[in-house]
Amino acid sequence: AAWAPMSSTERSEKLRADEEKRERERQRDQEARAQQRAANPLTPAEKAAETEERYERAANVLSNLQLGEQKQKNLREQIEARLVREARAEDDIVRWQQLCAVFRRCG
């Protein structure tokens, strides 16, 4: 069978199926942890360590989001500056062509 690109509908369905599979796995893992905790309750020190790890992970996620937003802002600024430079260059070309037409010679 020859390879054929997926249609956007097929791609969307595959992405949705993959997401559902990840969600089921996450839920299964969460249930397994809950059962393990019920069988082996955590000491207060272990609970505190686990809470601290969760807060640390959340802080890392937030930091990564902020970093991504900053990169996106920088890219927007770079694109805007390039568009401005290109527009100015276009203006210069148009002005040069107008001068050539007025004076009937270029160079």
PDB file of N, CA and C in Angstrom:
ATOM      1  N   ALA A   1       0.849  -1.186   0.000  1.00  0.00           N
ATOM      2  CA  ALA A   1       0.000   0.000   0.000  1.00  0.00           C
ATOM      3  C   ALA A   1       0.888   1.240   0.000  1.00  0.00           C
ATOM      4  N   ALA A   2       0.564   2.178  -0.840  1.00  0.00           N
ATOM      5  CA  ALA A   2       1.349   3.404  -0.952  1.00  0.00           C
ATOM      6  C   ALA A   2       0.984   4.347   0.187  1.00  0.00           C
ATOM      7  N   TRP A   3       1.965   5.152   0.565  1.00  0.00           N
ATOM      8  CA  TRP A   3       1.732   6.140   1.617  1.00  0.00           C
ATOM      9  C   TRP A   3       0.877   7.252   1.053  1.00  0.00           C
ATOM     10  N   ALA A   4      -0.100   7.682   1.827  1.00  0.00           N
ATOM     11  CA  ALA A   4      -0.955   8.787   1.400  1.00  0.00           C
ATOM     12  C   ALA A   4      -1.097   9.751   2.566  1.00  0.00           C
ATOM     13  N   PRO A   5      -1.046  11.042   2.293  1.00  0.00           N
ATOM     14  CA  PRO A   5      -1.197  12.004   3.385  1.00  0.00           C
ATOM     15  C   PRO A   5      -2.603  11.922   3.989  1.00  0.00           C
ATOM     16  N   MET A   6      -2.677  12.214   5.292  1.00  0.00           N
ATOM     17  CA  MET A   6      -3.976  12.199   5.966  1.00  0.00           C
ATOM     18  C   MET A   6      -4.745  13.460   5.618  1.00  0.00           C
ATOM     19  N   SER A   7      -6.038  13.307   5.513  1.00  0.00           N
ATOM     20  CA  SER A   7      -6.876  14.484   5.321  1.00  0.00           C
ATOM     21  C   SER A   7      -6.965  15.216   6.657  1.00  0.00           C
ATOM     22  N   SER A   8      -7.423  16.441   6.623  1.00  0.00           N
ATOM     23  CA  SER A   8      -7.527  17.207   7.867  1.00  0.00           C
ATOM     24  C   SER A   8      -8.515  16.542   8.821  1.00  0.00           C
ATOM     25  N   THR A   9      -9.555  15.913   8.284  1.00  0.00           N
ATOM     26  CA  THR A   9     -10.524  15.211   9.131  1.00  0.00           C
ATOM     27  C   THR A   9      -9.869  14.009   9.797  1.00  0.00           C
ATOM     28  N   GLU A  10      -9.108  13.236   9.017  1.00  0.00           N
ATOM     29  CA  GLU A  10      -8.407  12.080   9.584  1.00  0.00           C
ATOM     30  C   GLU A  10      -7.398  12.518  10.642  1.00  0.00           C
ATOM     31  N   ARG A  11      -6.686  13.607  10.358  1.00  0.00           N
ATOM     32  CA  ARG A  11      -5.697  14.130  11.293  1.00  0.00           C
ATOM     33  C   ARG A  11      -6.375  14.571  12.592  1.00  0.00           C
ATOM     34  N   SER A  12      -7.508  15.263  12.454  1.00  0.00           N
ATOM     35  CA  SER A  12      -8.258  15.713  13.633  1.00  0.00           C
ATOM     36  C   SER A  12      -8.751  14.529  14.455  1.00  0.00           C
ATOM     37  N   GLU A  13      -9.262  13.501  13.764  1.00  0.00           N
ATOM     38  CA  GLU A  13      -9.744  12.313  14.481  1.00  0.00           C
ATOM     39  C   GLU A  13      -8.604  11.604  15.191  1.00  0.00           C
ATOM     40  N   LYS A  14      -7.448  11.522  14.544  1.00  0.00           N
ATOM     41  CA  LYS A  14      -6.297  10.862  15.169  1.00  0.00           C
ATOM     42  C   LYS A  14      -5.833  11.656  16.380  1.00  0.00           C
ATOM     43  N   LEU A  15      -5.756  12.981  16.259  1.00  0.00           N
ATOM     44  CA  LEU A  15      -5.361  13.815  17.394  1.00  0.00           C
ATOM     45  C   LEU A  15      -6.337  13.657  18.553  1.00  0.00           C
ATOM     46  N   ARG A  16      -7.638  13.624  18.240  1.00  0.00           N
ATOM     47  CA  ARG A  16      -8.645  13.470  19.278  1.00  0.00           C
ATOM     48  C   ARG A  16      -8.518  12.105  19.949  1.00  0.00           C
ATOM     49  N   ALA A  17      -8.312  11.048  19.145  1.00  0.00           N
ATOM     50  CA  ALA A  17      -8.155   9.703  19.697  1.00  0.00           C
ATOM     51  C   ALA A  17      -6.906   9.621  20.580  1.00  0.00           C
ATOM     52  N   ASP A  18      -5.816  10.231  20.131  1.00  0.00           N
ATOM     53  CA  ASP A  18      -4.578  10.238  20.927  1.00  0.00           C
ATOM     54  C   ASP A  18      -4.792  10.973  22.244  1.00  0.00           C
ATOM     55  N   GLU A  19      -5.490  12.093  22.185  1.00  0.00           N
ATOM     56  CA  GLU A  19      -5.759  12.877  23.407  1.00  0.00           C
ATOM     57  C   GLU A  19      -6.634  12.075  24.368  1.00  0.00           C
ATOM     58  N   GLU A  20      -7.648  11.395  23.835  1.00  0.00           N
ATOM     59  CA  GLU A  20      -8.508  10.568  24.682  1.00  0.00           C
ATOM     60  C   GLU A  20      -7.719   9.439  25.324  1.00  0.00           C
ATOM     61  N   LYS A  21      -6.799   8.840  24.558  1.00  0.00           N
ATOM     62  CA  LYS A  21      -5.960   7.763  25.090  1.00  0.00           C
ATOM     63  C   LYS A  21      -5.077   8.289  26.226  1.00  0.00           C
ATOM     64  N   ARG A  22      -4.460   9.464  26.026  1.00  0.00           N
ATOM     65  CA  ARG A  22      -3.625  10.054  27.088  1.00  0.00           C
ATOM     66  C   ARG A  22      -4.452  10.357  28.326  1.00  0.00           C
ATOM     67  N   GLU A  23      -5.668  10.847  28.123  1.00  0.00           N
ATOM     68  CA  GLU A  23      -6.547  11.169  29.254  1.00  0.00           C
ATOM     69  C   GLU A  23      -6.919   9.892  30.022  1.00  0.00           C
ATOM     70  N   ARG A  24      -7.243   8.813  29.288  1.00  0.00           N
ATOM     71  CA  ARG A  24      -7.554   7.538  29.961  1.00  0.00           C
ATOM     72  C   ARG A  24      -6.351   7.032  30.751  1.00  0.00           C
ATOM     73  N   GLU A  25      -5.148   7.134  30.156  1.00  0.00           N
ATOM     74  CA  GLU A  25      -3.928   6.697  30.857  1.00  0.00           C
ATOM     75  C   GLU A  25      -3.673   7.543  32.097  1.00  0.00           C
ATOM     76  N   ARG A  26      -3.871   8.851  31.969  1.00  0.00           N
ATOM     77  CA  ARG A  26      -3.667   9.742  33.108  1.00  0.00           C
ATOM     78  C   ARG A  26      -4.648   9.404  34.224  1.00  0.00           C
ATOM     79  N   GLN A  27      -5.910   9.175  33.842  1.00  0.00           N
ATOM     80  CA  GLN A  27      -6.929   8.842  34.833  1.00  0.00           C
ATOM     81  C   GLN A  27      -6.615   7.500  35.501  1.00  0.00           C
ATOM     82  N   ARG A  28      -6.179   6.518  34.714  1.00  0.00           N
ATOM     83  CA  ARG A  28      -5.818   5.205  35.261  1.00  0.00           C
ATOM     84  C   ARG A  28      -4.660   5.340  36.251  1.00  0.00           C
ATOM     85  N   ASP A  29      -3.640   6.126  35.869  1.00  0.00           N
ATOM     86  CA  ASP A  29      -2.495   6.344  36.765  1.00  0.00           C
ATOM     87  C   ASP A  29      -2.928   7.042  38.052  1.00  0.00           C
ATOM     88  N   GLN A  30      -3.815   8.009  37.908  1.00  0.00           N
ATOM     89  CA  GLN A  30      -4.301   8.750  39.075  1.00  0.00           C
ATOM     90  C   GLN A  30      -5.066   7.813  40.009  1.00  0.00           C
ATOM     91  N   GLU A  31      -5.898   6.936  39.450  1.00  0.00           N
ATOM     92  CA  GLU A  31      -6.647   5.976  40.264  1.00  0.00           C
ATOM     93  C   GLU A  31      -5.708   4.997  40.955  1.00  0.00           C
ATOM     94  N   ALA A  32      -4.670   4.552  40.253  1.00  0.00           N
ATOM     95  CA  ALA A  32      -3.700   3.627  40.842  1.00  0.00           C
ATOM     96  C   ALA A  32      -2.977   4.294  42.012  1.00  0.00           C
ATOM     97  N   ARG A  33      -2.601   5.570  41.851  1.00  0.00           N
ATOM     98  CA  ARG A  33      -1.946   6.297  42.953  1.00  0.00           C
ATOM     99  C   ARG A  33      -2.888   6.445  44.139  1.00  0.00           C
ATOM    100  N   ALA A  34      -4.174   6.726  43.852  1.00  0.00           N
ATOM    101  CA  ALA A  34      -5.152   6.878  44.927  1.00  0.00           C
ATOM    102  C   ALA A  34      -5.311   5.563  45.697  1.00  0.00           C
ATOM    103  N   GLN A  35      -5.359   4.441  44.982  1.00  0.00           N
ATOM    104  CA  GLN A  35      -5.463   3.133  45.642  1.00  0.00           C
ATOM    105  C   GLN A  35      -4.214   2.838  46.465  1.00  0.00           C
ATOM    106  N   GLN A  36      -3.058   3.191  45.922  1.00  0.00           N
ATOM    107  CA  GLN A  36      -1.806   2.957  46.646  1.00  0.00           C
ATOM    108  C   GLN A  36      -1.768   3.810  47.919  1.00  0.00           C
ATOM    109  N   ARG A  37      -2.230   5.042  47.816  1.00  0.00           N
ATOM    110  CA  ARG A  37      -2.262   5.915  48.999  1.00  0.00           C
ATOM    111  C   ARG A  37      -3.218   5.382  50.056  1.00  0.00           C
ATOM    112  N   ALA A  38      -4.359   4.849  49.596  1.00  0.00           N
ATOM    113  CA  ALA A  38      -5.329   4.305  50.541  1.00  0.00           C
ATOM    114  C   ALA A  38      -4.733   3.102  51.279  1.00  0.00           C
ATOM    115  N   ALA A  39      -3.955   2.302  50.544  1.00  0.00           N
ATOM    116  CA  ALA A  39      -3.327   1.123  51.151  1.00  0.00           C
ATOM    117  C   ALA A  39      -2.136   1.507  52.018  1.00  0.00           C
ATOM    118  N   ASN A  40      -1.417   2.554  51.625  1.00  0.00           N
ATOM    119  CA  ASN A  40      -0.226   3.004  52.353  1.00  0.00           C
ATOM    120  C   ASN A  40      -0.308   4.511  52.574  1.00  0.00           C
ATOM    121  N   PRO A  41      -1.021   4.935  53.610  1.00  0.00           N
ATOM    122  CA  PRO A  41      -1.163   6.379  53.835  1.00  0.00           C
ATOM    123  C   PRO A  41       0.197   7.058  54.029  1.00  0.00           C
ATOM    124  N   LEU A  42       0.293   8.282  53.529  1.00  0.00           N
ATOM    125  CA  LEU A  42       1.535   9.043  53.641  1.00  0.00           C
ATOM    126  C   LEU A  42       1.664   9.643  55.034  1.00  0.00           C
ATOM    127  N   THR A  43       2.900   9.749  55.469  1.00  0.00           N
ATOM    128  CA  THR A  43       3.154  10.458  56.723  1.00  0.00           C
ATOM    129  C   THR A  43       3.019  11.948  56.449  1.00  0.00           C
ATOM    130  N   PRO A  44       2.852  12.759  57.492  1.00  0.00           N
ATOM    131  CA  PRO A  44       2.768  14.207  57.265  1.00  0.00           C
ATOM    132  C   PRO A  44       3.987  14.752  56.507  1.00  0.00           C
ATOM    133  N   ALA A  45       5.176  14.234  56.791  1.00  0.00           N
ATOM    134  CA  ALA A  45       6.384  14.705  56.097  1.00  0.00           C
ATOM    135  C   ALA A  45       6.331  14.339  54.617  1.00  0.00           C
ATOM    136  N   GLU A  46       5.841  13.142  54.307  1.00  0.00           N
ATOM    137  CA  GLU A  46       5.737  12.718  52.907  1.00  0.00           C
ATOM    138  C   GLU A  46       4.684  13.553  52.169  1.00  0.00           C
ATOM    139  N   LYS A  47       3.570  13.834  52.863  1.00  0.00           N
ATOM    140  CA  LYS A  47       2.535  14.679  52.254  1.00  0.00           C
ATOM    141  C   LYS A  47       3.099  16.068  51.954  1.00  0.00           C
ATOM    142  N   ALA A  48       3.850  16.617  52.900  1.00  0.00           N
ATOM    143  CA  ALA A  48       4.434  17.940  52.703  1.00  0.00           C
ATOM    144  C   ALA A  48       5.403  17.929  51.533  1.00  0.00           C
ATOM    145  N   ALA A  49       6.230  16.879  51.434  1.00  0.00           N
ATOM    146  CA  ALA A  49       7.192  16.774  50.323  1.00  0.00           C
ATOM    147  C   ALA A  49       6.457  16.665  48.993  1.00  0.00           C
ATOM    148  N   GLU A  50       5.383  15.878  48.981  1.00  0.00           N
ATOM    149  CA  GLU A  50       4.612  15.712  47.749  1.00  0.00           C
ATOM    150  C   GLU A  50       3.957  17.034  47.338  1.00  0.00           C
ATOM    151  N   THR A  51       3.413  17.746  48.312  1.00  0.00           N
ATOM    152  CA  THR A  51       2.790  19.049  48.034  1.00  0.00           C
ATOM    153  C   THR A  51       3.828  20.020  47.494  1.00  0.00           C
ATOM    154  N   GLU A  52       5.002  20.018  48.102  1.00  0.00           N
ATOM    155  CA  GLU A  52       6.072  20.904  47.642  1.00  0.00           C
ATOM    156  C   GLU A  52       6.470  20.582  46.196  1.00  0.00           C
ATOM    157  N   GLU A  53       6.537  19.281  45.862  1.00  0.00           N
ATOM    158  CA  GLU A  53       6.861  18.872  44.488  1.00  0.00           C
ATOM    159  C   GLU A  53       5.787  19.366  43.518  1.00  0.00           C
ATOM    160  N   ARG A  54       4.510  19.254  43.921  1.00  0.00           N
ATOM    161  CA  ARG A  54       3.419  19.734  43.057  1.00  0.00           C
ATOM    162  C   ARG A  54       3.532  21.230  42.820  1.00  0.00           C
ATOM    163  N   TYR A  55       3.789  21.982  43.890  1.00  0.00           N
ATOM    164  CA  TYR A  55       3.936  23.434  43.754  1.00  0.00           C
ATOM    165  C   TYR A  55       5.124  23.773  42.859  1.00  0.00           C
ATOM    166  N   GLU A  56       6.193  23.018  43.000  1.00  0.00           N
ATOM    167  CA  GLU A  56       7.382  23.259  42.181  1.00  0.00           C
ATOM    168  C   GLU A  56       7.086  22.987  40.705  1.00  0.00           C
ATOM    169  N   ARG A  57       6.377  21.892  40.436  1.00  0.00           N
ATOM    170  CA  ARG A  57       6.001  21.583  39.051  1.00  0.00           C
ATOM    171  C   ARG A  57       5.099  22.675  38.481  1.00  0.00           C
ATOM    172  N   ALA A  58       4.147  23.129  39.290  1.00  0.00           N
ATOM    173  CA  ALA A  58       3.246  24.192  38.835  1.00  0.00           C
ATOM    174  C   ALA A  58       4.031  25.475  38.547  1.00  0.00           C
ATOM    175  N   ALA A  59       4.993  25.786  39.407  1.00  0.00           N
ATOM    176  CA  ALA A  59       5.817  26.979  39.187  1.00  0.00           C
ATOM    177  C   ALA A  59       6.638  26.830  37.907  1.00  0.00           C
ATOM    178  N   ASN A  60       7.151  25.626  37.642  1.00  0.00           N
ATOM    179  CA  ASN A  60       7.918  25.390  36.417  1.00  0.00           C
ATOM    180  C   ASN A  60       7.038  25.554  35.185  1.00  0.00           C
ATOM    181  N   VAL A  61       5.818  25.040  35.248  1.00  0.00           N
ATOM    182  CA  VAL A  61       4.889  25.175  34.124  1.00  0.00           C
ATOM    183  C   VAL A  61       4.609  26.648  33.862  1.00  0.00           C
ATOM    184  N   LEU A  62       4.336  27.398  34.940  1.00  0.00           N
ATOM    185  CA  LEU A  62       4.066  28.827  34.800  1.00  0.00           C
ATOM    186  C   LEU A  62       5.271  29.556  34.217  1.00  0.00           C
ATOM    187  N   SER A  63       6.456  29.205  34.697  1.00  0.00           N
ATOM    188  CA  SER A  63       7.682  29.826  34.197  1.00  0.00           C
ATOM    189  C   SER A  63       7.863  29.537  32.707  1.00  0.00           C
ATOM    190  N   ASN A  64       7.607  28.291  32.316  1.00  0.00           N
ATOM    191  CA  ASN A  64       7.734  27.924  30.900  1.00  0.00           C
ATOM    192  C   ASN A  64       6.714  28.670  30.049  1.00  0.00           C
ATOM    193  N   LEU A  65       5.500  28.836  30.568  1.00  0.00           N
ATOM    194  CA  LEU A  65       4.486  29.596  29.831  1.00  0.00           C
ATOM    195  C   LEU A  65       4.923  31.040  29.646  1.00  0.00           C
ATOM    196  N   GLN A  66       5.441  31.641  30.716  1.00  0.00           N
ATOM    197  CA  GLN A  66       5.888  33.023  30.632  1.00  0.00           C
ATOM    198  C   GLN A  66       7.056  33.158  29.660  1.00  0.00           C
ATOM    199  N   LEU A  67       7.961  32.179  29.678  1.00  0.00           N
ATOM    200  CA  LEU A  67       9.094  32.189  28.752  1.00  0.00           C
ATOM    201  C   LEU A  67       8.588  32.096  27.310  1.00  0.00           C
ATOM    202  N   GLY A  68       7.612  31.208  27.086  1.00  0.00           N
ATOM    203  CA  GLY A  68       7.033  31.073  25.748  1.00  0.00           C
ATOM    204  C   GLY A  68       6.365  32.350  25.293  1.00  0.00           C
ATOM    205  N   GLU A  69       5.643  33.003  26.210  1.00  0.00           N
ATOM    206  CA  GLU A  69       4.991  34.262  25.864  1.00  0.00           C
ATOM    207  C   GLU A  69       6.024  35.337  25.526  1.00  0.00           C
ATOM    208  N   GLN A  70       7.132  35.368  26.265  1.00  0.00           N
ATOM    209  CA  GLN A  70       8.184  36.349  25.998  1.00  0.00           C
ATOM    210  C   GLN A  70       8.819  36.106  24.628  1.00  0.00           C
ATOM    211  N   LYS A  71       9.075  34.828  24.317  1.00  0.00           N
ATOM    212  CA  LYS A  71       9.641  34.493  23.004  1.00  0.00           C
ATOM    213  C   LYS A  71       8.688  34.915  21.891  1.00  0.00           C
ATOM    214  N   GLN A  72       7.394  34.667  22.114  1.00  0.00           N
ATOM    215  CA  GLN A  72       6.391  35.036  21.121  1.00  0.00           C
ATOM    216  C   GLN A  72       6.366  36.551  20.921  1.00  0.00           C
ATOM    217  N   LYS A  73       6.445  37.292  22.029  1.00  0.00           N
ATOM    218  CA  LYS A  73       6.462  38.760  21.951  1.00  0.00           C
ATOM    219  C   LYS A  73       7.690  39.237  21.184  1.00  0.00           C
ATOM    220  N   ASN A  74       8.860  38.642  21.477  1.00  0.00           N
ATOM    221  CA  ASN A  74      10.093  39.015  20.778  1.00  0.00           C
ATOM    222  C   ASN A  74       9.981  38.734  19.280  1.00  0.00           C
ATOM    223  N   LEU A  75       9.425  37.583  18.925  1.00  0.00           N
ATOM    224  CA  LEU A  75       9.257  37.252  17.509  1.00  0.00           C
ATOM    225  C   LEU A  75       8.326  38.244  16.822  1.00  0.00           C
ATOM    226  N   ARG A  76       7.222  38.597  17.507  1.00  0.00           N
ATOM    227  CA  ARG A  76       6.299  39.591  16.933  1.00  0.00           C
ATOM    228  C   ARG A  76       7.019  40.903  16.664  1.00  0.00           C
ATOM    229  N   GLU A  77       7.835  41.342  17.646  1.00  0.00           N
ATOM    230  CA  GLU A  77       8.572  42.597  17.485  1.00  0.00           C
ATOM    231  C   GLU A  77       9.558  42.514  16.327  1.00  0.00           C
ATOM    232  N   GLN A  78      10.232  41.361  16.190  1.00  0.00           N
ATOM    233  CA  GLN A  78      11.185  41.188  15.083  1.00  0.00           C
ATOM    234  C   GLN A  78      10.469  41.218  13.742  1.00  0.00           C
ATOM    235  N   ILE A  79       9.320  40.554  13.673  1.00  0.00           N
ATOM    236  CA  ILE A  79       8.554  40.530  12.419  1.00  0.00           C
ATOM    237  C   ILE A  79       8.071  41.932  12.071  1.00  0.00           C
ATOM    238  N   GLU A  80       7.567  42.642  13.087  1.00  0.00           N
ATOM    239  CA  GLU A  80       7.092  44.004  12.856  1.00  0.00           C
ATOM    240  C   GLU A  80       8.223  44.902  12.359  1.00  0.00           C
ATOM    241  N   ALA A  81       9.404  44.806  12.982  1.00  0.00           N
ATOM    242  CA  ALA A  81      10.550  45.622  12.561  1.00  0.00           C
ATOM    243  C   ALA A  81      10.944  45.290  11.122  1.00  0.00           C
ATOM    244  N   ARG A  82      10.909  43.997  10.778  1.00  0.00           N
ATOM    245  CA  ARG A  82      11.264  43.607   9.406  1.00  0.00           C
ATOM    246  C   ARG A  82      10.246  44.151   8.412  1.00  0.00           C
ATOM    247  N   LEU A  83       8.966  44.072   8.754  1.00  0.00           N
ATOM    248  CA  LEU A  83       7.938  44.596   7.855  1.00  0.00           C
ATOM    249  C   LEU A  83       8.093  46.105   7.657  1.00  0.00           C
ATOM    250  N   VAL A  84       8.434  46.796   8.729  1.00  0.00           N
ATOM    251  CA  VAL A  84       8.657  48.245   8.618  1.00  0.00           C
ATOM    252  C   VAL A  84       9.847  48.518   7.698  1.00  0.00           C
ATOM    253  N   ARG A  85      10.957  47.767   7.899  1.00  0.00           N
ATOM    254  CA  ARG A  85      12.137  47.958   7.031  1.00  0.00           C
ATOM    255  C   ARG A  85      11.786  47.683   5.572  1.00  0.00           C
ATOM    256  N   GLU A  86      11.041  46.605   5.321  1.00  0.00           N
ATOM    257  CA  GLU A  86      10.660  46.269   3.946  1.00  0.00           C
ATOM    258  C   GLU A  86       9.759  47.354   3.343  1.00  0.00           C
ATOM    259  N   ALA A  87       8.845  47.884   4.150  1.00  0.00           N
ATOM    260  CA  ALA A  87       7.954  48.940   3.661  1.00  0.00           C
ATOM    261  C   ALA A  87       8.760  50.187   3.310  1.00  0.00           C
ATOM    262  N   ARG A  88       9.740  50.521   4.142  1.00  0.00           N
ATOM    263  CA  ARG A  88      10.591  51.689   3.852  1.00  0.00           C
ATOM    264  C   ARG A  88      11.389  51.464   2.576  1.00  0.00           C
ATOM    265  N   ALA A  89      11.892  50.253   2.394  1.00  0.00           N
ATOM    266  CA  ALA A  89      12.657  49.940   1.182  1.00  0.00           C
ATOM    267  C   ALA A  89      11.753  50.070  -0.043  1.00  0.00           C
ATOM    268  N   GLU A  90      10.519  49.593   0.077  1.00  0.00           N
ATOM    269  CA  GLU A  90       9.563  49.721  -1.027  1.00  0.00           C
ATOM    270  C   GLU A  90       9.296  51.193  -1.327  1.00  0.00           C
ATOM    271  N   ASP A  91       9.142  51.994  -0.259  1.00  0.00           N
ATOM    272  CA  ASP A  91       8.923  53.430  -0.453  1.00  0.00           C
ATOM    273  C   ASP A  91      10.098  54.057  -1.200  1.00  0.00           C
ATOM    274  N   ASP A  92      11.338  53.653  -0.824  1.00  0.00           N
ATOM    275  CA  ASP A  92      12.533  54.183  -1.483  1.00  0.00           C
ATOM    276  C   ASP A  92      12.544  53.815  -2.959  1.00  0.00           C
ATOM    277  N   ILE A  93      12.163  52.588  -3.270  1.00  0.00           N
ATOM    278  CA  ILE A  93      12.127  52.137  -4.678  1.00  0.00           C
ATOM    279  C   ILE A  93      11.124  52.973  -5.462  1.00  0.00           C
ATOM    280  N   VAL A  94       9.933  53.178  -4.861  1.00  0.00           N
ATOM    281  CA  VAL A  94       8.893  53.963  -5.547  1.00  0.00           C
ATOM    282  C   VAL A  94       9.380  55.394  -5.758  1.00  0.00           C
ATOM    283  N   ARG A  95       9.983  55.988  -4.744  1.00  0.00           N
ATOM    284  CA  ARG A  95      10.495  57.371  -4.880  1.00  0.00           C
ATOM    285  C   ARG A  95      11.550  57.445  -5.979  1.00  0.00           C
ATOM    286  N   TRP A  96      12.460  56.464  -6.029  1.00  0.00           N
ATOM    287  CA  TRP A  96      13.507  56.437  -7.044  1.00  0.00           C
ATOM    288  C   TRP A  96      12.883  56.349  -8.434  1.00  0.00           C
ATOM    289  N   GLN A  97      11.878  55.487  -8.593  1.00  0.00           N
ATOM    290  CA  GLN A  97      11.217  55.351  -9.887  1.00  0.00           C
ATOM    291  C   GLN A  97      10.520  56.662 -10.283  1.00  0.00           C
ATOM    292  N   GLN A  98       9.927  57.324  -9.289  1.00  0.00           N
ATOM    293  CA  GLN A  98       9.271  58.600  -9.582  1.00  0.00           C
ATOM    294  C   GLN A  98      10.297  59.643 -10.027  1.00  0.00           C
ATOM    295  N   LEU A  99      11.441  59.691  -9.345  1.00  0.00           N
ATOM    296  CA  LEU A  99      12.490  60.657  -9.731  1.00  0.00           C
ATOM    297  C   LEU A  99      13.003  60.352 -11.141  1.00  0.00           C
ATOM    298  N   CYS A 100      13.192  59.043 -11.417  1.00  0.00           N
ATOM    299  CA  CYS A 100      13.646  58.672 -12.761  1.00  0.00           C
ATOM    300  C   CYS A 100      12.639  59.131 -13.820  1.00  0.00           C
ATOM    301  N   ALA A 101      11.356  58.978 -13.519  1.00  0.00           N
ATOM    302  CA  ALA A 101      10.324  59.373 -14.482  1.00  0.00           C
ATOM    303  C   ALA A 101      10.313  60.888 -14.654  1.00  0.00           C
ATOM    304  N   VAL A 102      10.489  61.636 -13.570  1.00  0.00           N
ATOM    305  CA  VAL A 102      10.479  63.092 -13.629  1.00  0.00           C
ATOM    306  C   VAL A 102      11.667  63.608 -14.451  1.00  0.00           C
ATOM    307  N   PHE A 103      12.863  63.058 -14.173  1.00  0.00           N
ATOM    308  CA  PHE A 103      14.070  63.560 -14.831  1.00  0.00           C
ATOM    309  C   PHE A 103      14.420  62.783 -16.096  1.00  0.00           C
ATOM    310  N   ARG A 104      13.623  61.791 -16.428  1.00  0.00           N
ATOM    311  CA  ARG A 104      13.787  61.000 -17.660  1.00  0.00           C
ATOM    312  C   ARG A 104      15.129  60.296 -17.760  1.00  0.00           C
ATOM    313  N   ARG A 105      15.772  60.051 -16.650  1.00  0.00           N
ATOM    314  CA  ARG A 105      16.998  59.260 -16.696  1.00  0.00           C
ATOM    315  C   ARG A 105      17.277  58.683 -15.310  1.00  0.00           C
ATOM    316  N   CYS A 106      17.953  57.565 -15.297  1.00  0.00           N
ATOM    317  CA  CYS A 106      18.328  56.913 -14.044  1.00  0.00           C
ATOM    318  C   CYS A 106      19.812  56.559 -14.082  1.00  0.00           C
ATOM    319  N   GLY A 107      20.395  56.434 -12.920  1.00  0.00           N
ATOM    320  CA  GLY A 107      21.775  55.973 -12.881  1.00  0.00           C
ATOM    321  C   GLY A 107      22.740  56.970 -12.502  1.00  0.00           C
TER     322      GLY A 107
END
